[in-house]
Amino acid sequence: MLSDTTRVRVLIADDQELMRSALRMMVHSQADLELVGEAANGDEAVAAVRTRPVDVVLMDLRMPELDGIEATAIITAEQPRCRVIALTTFDLDDYVFPAIRAGASGFLLKDARGEEIVDAIRMVHAGHGVVAPSTTRRLISHVAATPTANTEAALRIRATLTPREFGTLLEIATGDTNRDIAARLHLSEATVKTHVGHVLAKLGLRDRVEAVVLAYETGLVGPSRR
């Protein structure tokens, strides 16, 4: 049996009891996950994270009183080590981009398979972002549609990264996977993974999705990069 210190502590935030029940059973079925609380709105989610250790929040984006986006922003600002996976009903939900900007490390549809959700919990807890490639590409389209070059920030990024790491950042901005990038650069997937890790660490980014946003918002890449 796993000790409490090895389990990923999960909080469920959803205003629908049926959805909370389904997620509850999903978490309970995994030996390495521990359900530490539930919330029916954003206010309750924020309060819960303030009063107990939480590693990952499964956050419904559309909730009364305080919605999931505002709750995500508060939680990630106050508890940087707490990861949030945004849950929504529609893949084209207008809430997706704001949720990622608010600090969400993952985005999943509510009809995702159980194994996809538990895998996502483990991945974000390990420091990875979980966003489907199709969603990442829409995110790119959203940011690239209104580019805002920031020369000073771009220069800082270039000075911070090695040439190989800077090239990796530009590749991340395509929205492609490590495997795709490795094939394009004629490198091993493990090498690309290492470079991606260095990029995120040096720039203080949560995950590759935040790296995509940064690359476009600083003007390092533009719409033609897609």
Protein backbone atom coordinates (compact mmCIF):
# COMPACT_ATOMS: atom_id res chain seq x y z
CA MET A 1 0.00 0.00 0.00
CA LEU A 2 1.28 3.46 -0.90
CA SER A 3 1.93 5.97 1.87
CA ASP A 4 0.11 9.31 1.87
CA THR A 5 3.33 11.07 0.89
CA THR A 6 3.56 9.15 -2.37
CA ARG A 7 -0.01 9.76 -3.42
CA VAL A 8 -1.10 12.65 -5.62
CA ARG A 9 -3.62 14.68 -3.61
CA VAL A 10 -6.59 15.60 -5.80
CA LEU A 11 -9.37 18.15 -5.34
CA ILE A 12 -12.50 17.96 -7.51
CA ALA A 13 -14.28 21.23 -8.31
CA ASP A 14 -17.53 20.92 -10.27
CA ASP A 15 -21.02 22.26 -9.67
CA GLN A 16 -22.67 19.07 -10.93
CA GLU A 17 -22.96 16.29 -8.35
CA LEU A 18 -23.11 13.65 -11.08
CA MET A 19 -19.78 14.78 -12.52
CA ARG A 20 -18.18 14.97 -9.07
CA SER A 21 -19.40 11.45 -8.37
CA ALA A 22 -17.87 10.10 -11.59
CA LEU A 23 -14.56 11.83 -10.93
CA ARG A 24 -14.63 10.71 -7.31
CA MET A 25 -14.92 7.05 -8.31
CA MET A 26 -12.17 7.53 -10.86
CA VAL A 27 -9.75 8.92 -8.27
CA HIS A 28 -10.69 6.30 -5.67
CA SER A 29 -9.93 3.53 -8.17
CA GLN A 30 -6.24 4.53 -8.38
CA ALA A 31 -3.83 3.49 -5.63
CA ASP A 32 -1.50 6.44 -6.27
CA LEU A 33 -4.24 9.09 -6.13
CA GLU A 34 -5.93 10.45 -3.01
CA LEU A 35 -9.13 12.51 -2.99
CA VAL A 36 -8.66 15.29 -0.43
CA GLY A 37 -11.79 17.32 -1.09
CA GLU A 38 -14.62 18.46 -3.34
CA ALA A 39 -16.00 21.87 -4.23
CA ALA A 40 -19.24 22.95 -5.91
CA ASN A 41 -17.99 26.38 -7.00
CA GLY A 42 -14.83 28.41 -7.40
CA ASP A 43 -15.03 29.98 -3.95
CA GLU A 44 -15.12 26.56 -2.31
CA ALA A 45 -12.21 25.38 -4.46
CA VAL A 46 -10.05 28.35 -3.44
CA ALA A 47 -10.97 27.88 0.22
CA ALA A 48 -10.15 24.17 0.06
CA VAL A 49 -6.69 24.74 -1.41
CA ARG A 50 -5.99 27.34 1.26
CA THR A 51 -6.79 24.93 4.08
CA ARG A 52 -5.20 21.65 2.98
CA PRO A 53 -2.35 20.36 0.80
CA VAL A 54 -3.55 19.83 -2.79
CA ASP A 55 -1.36 18.68 -5.67
CA VAL A 56 -3.86 18.73 -8.55
CA VAL A 57 -7.28 20.36 -8.97
CA LEU A 58 -9.76 19.02 -11.52
CA MET A 59 -11.46 22.34 -12.26
CA ASP A 60 -14.79 22.78 -14.02
CA LEU A 61 -14.57 26.06 -15.91
CA ARG A 62 -18.22 27.01 -15.70
CA MET A 63 -19.33 27.27 -12.09
CA PRO A 64 -21.51 29.73 -10.15
CA GLU A 65 -20.31 32.45 -7.76
CA LEU A 66 -16.65 32.24 -8.82
CA ASP A 67 -15.97 30.55 -12.15
CA GLY A 68 -13.16 28.10 -12.81
CA ILE A 69 -10.96 30.63 -14.59
CA GLU A 70 -10.92 33.09 -11.70
CA ALA A 71 -10.46 30.26 -9.23
CA THR A 72 -7.55 28.91 -11.28
CA ALA A 73 -5.85 32.31 -11.34
CA ILE A 74 -6.14 32.66 -7.55
CA ILE A 75 -5.00 29.12 -6.79
CA THR A 76 -1.97 29.15 -9.11
CA ALA A 77 -0.91 32.56 -7.81
CA GLU A 78 -1.19 31.57 -4.15
CA GLN A 79 -0.03 27.97 -4.50
CA PRO A 80 2.44 27.73 -7.43
CA ARG A 81 3.05 24.02 -6.81
CA CYS A 82 -0.63 23.19 -7.12
CA ARG A 83 -1.52 22.18 -10.69
CA VAL A 84 -4.91 22.76 -12.28
CA ILE A 85 -6.52 20.68 -15.01
CA ALA A 86 -9.35 22.60 -16.65
CA LEU A 87 -12.43 20.58 -17.54
CA THR A 88 -15.06 21.68 -20.03
CA THR A 89 -17.80 20.25 -22.20
CA PHE A 90 -16.80 21.61 -25.60
CA ASP A 91 -13.45 21.40 -27.39
CA LEU A 92 -14.03 24.85 -28.89
CA ASP A 93 -14.95 26.40 -25.55
CA ASP A 94 -14.04 30.10 -25.37
CA TYR A 95 -12.83 29.44 -21.84
CA VAL A 96 -9.85 27.35 -22.96
CA PHE A 97 -7.44 30.19 -23.74
CA PRO A 98 -8.28 32.26 -20.63
CA ALA A 99 -7.93 29.14 -18.46
CA ILE A 100 -4.44 28.44 -19.77
CA ARG A 101 -3.48 32.08 -19.30
CA ALA A 102 -4.87 31.91 -15.75
CA GLY A 103 -2.41 29.14 -14.96
CA ALA A 104 -4.04 25.84 -15.90
CA SER A 105 -1.49 23.15 -16.74
CA GLY A 106 -3.96 20.95 -18.54
CA PHE A 107 -7.17 21.02 -20.53
CA LEU A 108 -9.50 18.07 -20.95
CA LEU A 109 -13.01 17.46 -22.19
CA LYS A 110 -15.42 16.11 -19.60
CA ASP A 111 -16.13 13.12 -21.82
CA ALA A 112 -12.45 12.09 -21.83
CA ARG A 113 -11.87 8.45 -20.95
CA GLY A 114 -11.11 7.67 -17.33
CA GLU A 115 -7.57 6.55 -18.09
CA GLU A 116 -6.93 9.84 -19.93
CA ILE A 117 -7.95 11.85 -16.89
CA VAL A 118 -5.91 9.85 -14.37
CA ASP A 119 -2.91 9.92 -16.72
CA ALA A 120 -3.32 13.70 -17.02
CA ILE A 121 -3.33 14.03 -13.22
CA ARG A 122 -0.05 12.15 -13.01
CA MET A 123 1.49 14.13 -15.88
CA VAL A 124 0.70 17.60 -14.57
CA HIS A 125 1.83 16.54 -11.11
CA ALA A 126 5.16 15.58 -12.70
CA GLY A 127 5.43 19.05 -14.25
CA HIS A 128 4.12 18.40 -17.74
CA GLY A 129 1.35 20.20 -19.58
CA VAL A 130 -1.59 18.20 -20.89
CA VAL A 131 -3.31 19.80 -23.86
CA ALA A 132 -4.39 17.99 -27.00
CA PRO A 133 -2.42 18.98 -30.14
CA SER A 134 -5.62 20.28 -31.78
CA THR A 135 -6.22 22.58 -28.83
CA THR A 136 -2.58 23.71 -28.84
CA ARG A 137 -2.88 24.69 -32.50
CA ARG A 138 -6.05 26.69 -31.81
CA LEU A 139 -4.18 28.38 -28.99
CA ILE A 140 -1.44 29.28 -31.47
CA SER A 141 -4.02 30.69 -33.87
CA HIS A 142 -5.54 32.75 -31.07
CA VAL A 143 -2.24 34.30 -29.99
CA ALA A 144 -0.85 34.73 -33.50
CA ALA A 145 -3.98 36.56 -34.62
CA THR A 146 -2.99 39.54 -32.46
CA PRO A 147 0.81 39.50 -32.28
CA THR A 148 2.49 41.95 -29.90
CA ALA A 149 6.24 42.12 -30.32
CA ASN A 150 8.26 42.75 -27.18
CA THR A 151 11.84 43.32 -28.30
CA GLU A 152 13.28 43.63 -24.80
CA ALA A 153 11.70 40.37 -23.65
CA ALA A 154 12.77 38.61 -26.84
CA LEU A 155 16.38 39.71 -26.31
CA ARG A 156 16.31 38.46 -22.72
CA ILE A 157 15.08 35.09 -23.91
CA ARG A 158 17.84 34.85 -26.54
CA ALA A 159 20.46 35.75 -23.92
CA THR A 160 19.10 33.20 -21.44
CA LEU A 161 18.99 30.20 -23.78
CA THR A 162 21.74 28.42 -25.67
CA PRO A 163 21.37 28.40 -29.48
CA ARG A 164 20.05 24.82 -29.37
CA GLU A 165 17.58 25.66 -26.61
CA PHE A 166 16.41 28.76 -28.47
CA GLY A 167 15.88 26.67 -31.58
CA THR A 168 13.90 24.20 -29.48
CA LEU A 169 11.66 27.01 -28.22
CA LEU A 170 10.87 27.96 -31.81
CA GLU A 171 10.04 24.33 -32.54
CA ILE A 172 7.78 24.12 -29.47
CA ALA A 173 5.89 27.08 -30.91
CA THR A 174 4.71 24.92 -33.81
CA GLY A 175 2.57 22.92 -31.39
CA ASP A 176 4.23 19.69 -32.48
CA THR A 177 5.16 16.82 -30.17
CA ASN A 178 8.71 15.97 -29.09
CA ARG A 179 8.66 13.08 -31.54
CA ASP A 180 7.78 15.37 -34.47
CA ILE A 181 10.43 17.89 -33.44
CA ALA A 182 13.05 15.15 -33.05
CA ALA A 183 12.34 13.86 -36.55
CA ARG A 184 12.58 17.36 -38.03
CA LEU A 185 15.86 18.17 -36.26
CA HIS A 186 17.33 14.68 -36.72
CA LEU A 187 17.74 14.27 -32.96
CA SER A 188 16.63 11.60 -30.53
CA GLU A 189 13.33 12.15 -28.74
CA ALA A 190 15.20 11.97 -25.41
CA THR A 191 17.51 14.79 -26.50
CA VAL A 192 14.59 17.00 -27.48
CA LYS A 193 12.90 16.25 -24.16
CA THR A 194 16.06 17.38 -22.37
CA HIS A 195 16.20 20.62 -24.36
CA VAL A 196 12.51 21.29 -23.69
CA GLY A 197 13.10 20.78 -19.97
CA HIS A 198 15.97 23.27 -20.01
CA VAL A 199 13.88 25.84 -21.88
CA LEU A 200 11.01 25.61 -19.41
CA ALA A 201 13.31 25.73 -16.38
CA LYS A 202 15.40 28.68 -17.58
CA LEU A 203 12.37 30.74 -18.59
CA GLY A 204 10.35 29.83 -15.49
CA LEU A 205 7.50 28.32 -17.51
CA ARG A 206 4.99 25.74 -16.25
CA ASP A 207 4.80 23.76 -19.47
CA ARG A 208 5.16 23.84 -23.25
CA VAL A 209 1.76 25.47 -23.73
CA GLU A 210 2.96 28.51 -21.78
CA ALA A 211 6.09 28.42 -23.95
CA VAL A 212 3.91 28.67 -27.07
CA VAL A 213 2.16 31.74 -25.69
CA LEU A 214 5.46 33.37 -24.71
CA ALA A 215 7.04 32.78 -28.13
CA TYR A 216 4.16 34.47 -29.93
CA GLU A 217 3.54 37.26 -27.45
CA THR A 218 7.19 38.36 -27.52
CA GLY A 219 7.24 38.31 -31.31
CA LEU A 220 9.88 35.57 -31.52
CA VAL A 221 7.60 33.82 -33.96
CA GLY A 222 4.65 34.97 -36.02
CA PRO A 223 1.68 33.51 -37.90
CA SER A 224 3.92 32.27 -40.73
CA ARG A 225 5.64 29.91 -38.26
CA ARG A 226 2.54 27.73 -38.31
